[in-house]
């Protein structure tokens, strides 16, 4: 998946796993992106997998809730 698709998947997983509304999940992912949480993903698209999206969703939620 592309970097943008990965961010969308992380956002979707946060809403599904943690019950946040779309706007809250989007803000959380945007904060993580602003903090360069996803900088390696943009440099190496092979990181952008569904498995990694699940890990990232958990990490982003824990860090930015």
C-alpha atoms as a PDB file:
ATOM      1  CA  UNK A   1       0.000   0.000   0.000  1.00  0.00           C
ATOM      2  CA  UNK A   2       1.120   3.581  -0.463  1.00  0.00           C
ATOM      3  CA  UNK A   3       2.106   5.891   2.376  1.00  0.00           C
ATOM      4  CA  UNK A   4      -1.232   7.704   2.143  1.00  0.00           C
ATOM      5  CA  UNK A   5      -3.148   4.423   2.136  1.00  0.00           C
ATOM      6  CA  UNK A   6      -1.189   3.343   5.201  1.00  0.00           C
ATOM      7  CA  UNK A   7      -2.186   6.511   7.068  1.00  0.00           C
ATOM      8  CA  UNK A   8      -5.816   5.943   6.074  1.00  0.00           C
ATOM      9  CA  UNK A   9      -5.636   2.344   7.306  1.00  0.00           C
ATOM     10  CA  UNK A  10      -4.098   3.397  10.638  1.00  0.00           C
ATOM     11  CA  UNK A  11      -6.874   5.965  11.055  1.00  0.00           C
ATOM     12  CA  UNK A  12      -9.553   3.391  10.256  1.00  0.00           C
ATOM     13  CA  UNK A  13      -8.063   0.869  12.660  1.00  0.00           C
ATOM     14  CA  UNK A  14      -8.007   3.439  15.466  1.00  0.00           C
ATOM     15  CA  UNK A  15     -11.720   4.118  14.964  1.00  0.00           C
ATOM     16  CA  UNK A  16     -12.545   0.407  14.831  1.00  0.00           C
ATOM     17  CA  UNK A  17     -10.325  -0.820  17.677  1.00  0.00           C
ATOM     18  CA  UNK A  18     -10.637   2.065  20.109  1.00  0.00           C
ATOM     19  CA  UNK A  19     -14.075   3.493  19.336  1.00  0.00           C
ATOM     20  CA  UNK A  20     -12.937   6.984  18.416  1.00  0.00           C
ATOM     21  CA  UNK A  21     -14.872   9.024  15.906  1.00  0.00           C
ATOM     22  CA  UNK A  22     -13.275   9.775  12.542  1.00  0.00           C
ATOM     23  CA  UNK A  23     -12.296  13.359  13.394  1.00  0.00           C
ATOM     24  CA  UNK A  24     -10.516  12.334  16.599  1.00  0.00           C
ATOM     25  CA  UNK A  25      -8.646   9.522  14.876  1.00  0.00           C
ATOM     26  CA  UNK A  26      -7.635  11.824  12.027  1.00  0.00           C
ATOM     27  CA  UNK A  27      -6.325  14.430  14.474  1.00  0.00           C
ATOM     28  CA  UNK A  28      -4.380  11.742  16.333  1.00  0.00           C
ATOM     29  CA  UNK A  29      -2.740  10.453  13.140  1.00  0.00           C
ATOM     30  CA  UNK A  30      -2.005  14.014  12.007  1.00  0.00           C
ATOM     31  CA  UNK A  31      -0.276  14.739  15.334  1.00  0.00           C
ATOM     32  CA  UNK A  32       1.785  11.576  14.967  1.00  0.00           C
ATOM     33  CA  UNK A  33       2.670  12.553  11.420  1.00  0.00           C
ATOM     34  CA  UNK A  34       3.699  16.061  12.563  1.00  0.00           C
ATOM     35  CA  UNK A  35       5.960  14.413  15.175  1.00  0.00           C
ATOM     36  CA  UNK A  36       7.605  12.364  12.374  1.00  0.00           C
ATOM     37  CA  UNK A  37       6.189   9.096  13.724  1.00  0.00           C
ATOM     38  CA  UNK A  38       5.688   7.922  10.138  1.00  0.00           C
ATOM     39  CA  UNK A  39       8.853   9.406   8.598  1.00  0.00           C
ATOM     40  CA  UNK A  40      10.411   5.994   7.966  1.00  0.00           C
ATOM     41  CA  UNK A  41       7.272   4.839   6.200  1.00  0.00           C
ATOM     42  CA  UNK A  42       7.536   7.617   3.636  1.00  0.00           C
ATOM     43  CA  UNK A  43      11.193   6.761   2.997  1.00  0.00           C
ATOM     44  CA  UNK A  44      10.600   2.993   2.744  1.00  0.00           C
ATOM     45  CA  UNK A  45       7.197   2.037   1.304  1.00  0.00           C
ATOM     46  CA  UNK A  46       7.819  -1.640   2.092  1.00  0.00           C
ATOM     47  CA  UNK A  47       7.005  -0.729   5.714  1.00  0.00           C
ATOM     48  CA  UNK A  48       3.446   0.128   4.685  1.00  0.00           C
ATOM     49  CA  UNK A  49       1.741  -3.213   5.283  1.00  0.00           C
ATOM     50  CA  UNK A  50      -1.528  -4.169   6.927  1.00  0.00           C
ATOM     51  CA  UNK A  51       0.357  -5.881   9.744  1.00  0.00           C
ATOM     52  CA  UNK A  52       2.393  -2.727  10.368  1.00  0.00           C
ATOM     53  CA  UNK A  53      -0.789  -0.610  10.251  1.00  0.00           C
ATOM     54  CA  UNK A  54      -2.157  -2.624  13.179  1.00  0.00           C
ATOM     55  CA  UNK A  55       1.061  -2.052  15.145  1.00  0.00           C
ATOM     56  CA  UNK A  56       1.110   1.636  14.273  1.00  0.00           C
ATOM     57  CA  UNK A  57      -2.544   2.101  15.236  1.00  0.00           C
ATOM     58  CA  UNK A  58      -1.838   0.667  18.684  1.00  0.00           C
ATOM     59  CA  UNK A  59       1.313   2.780  19.118  1.00  0.00           C
ATOM     60  CA  UNK A  60      -0.322   5.995  17.910  1.00  0.00           C
ATOM     61  CA  UNK A  61      -3.339   5.469  20.148  1.00  0.00           C
ATOM     62  CA  UNK A  62      -1.194   4.824  23.216  1.00  0.00           C
ATOM     63  CA  UNK A  63       1.055   7.791  22.549  1.00  0.00           C
ATOM     64  CA  UNK A  64      -1.495  10.394  21.446  1.00  0.00           C
ATOM     65  CA  UNK A  65      -4.744   9.526  23.250  1.00  0.00           C
END
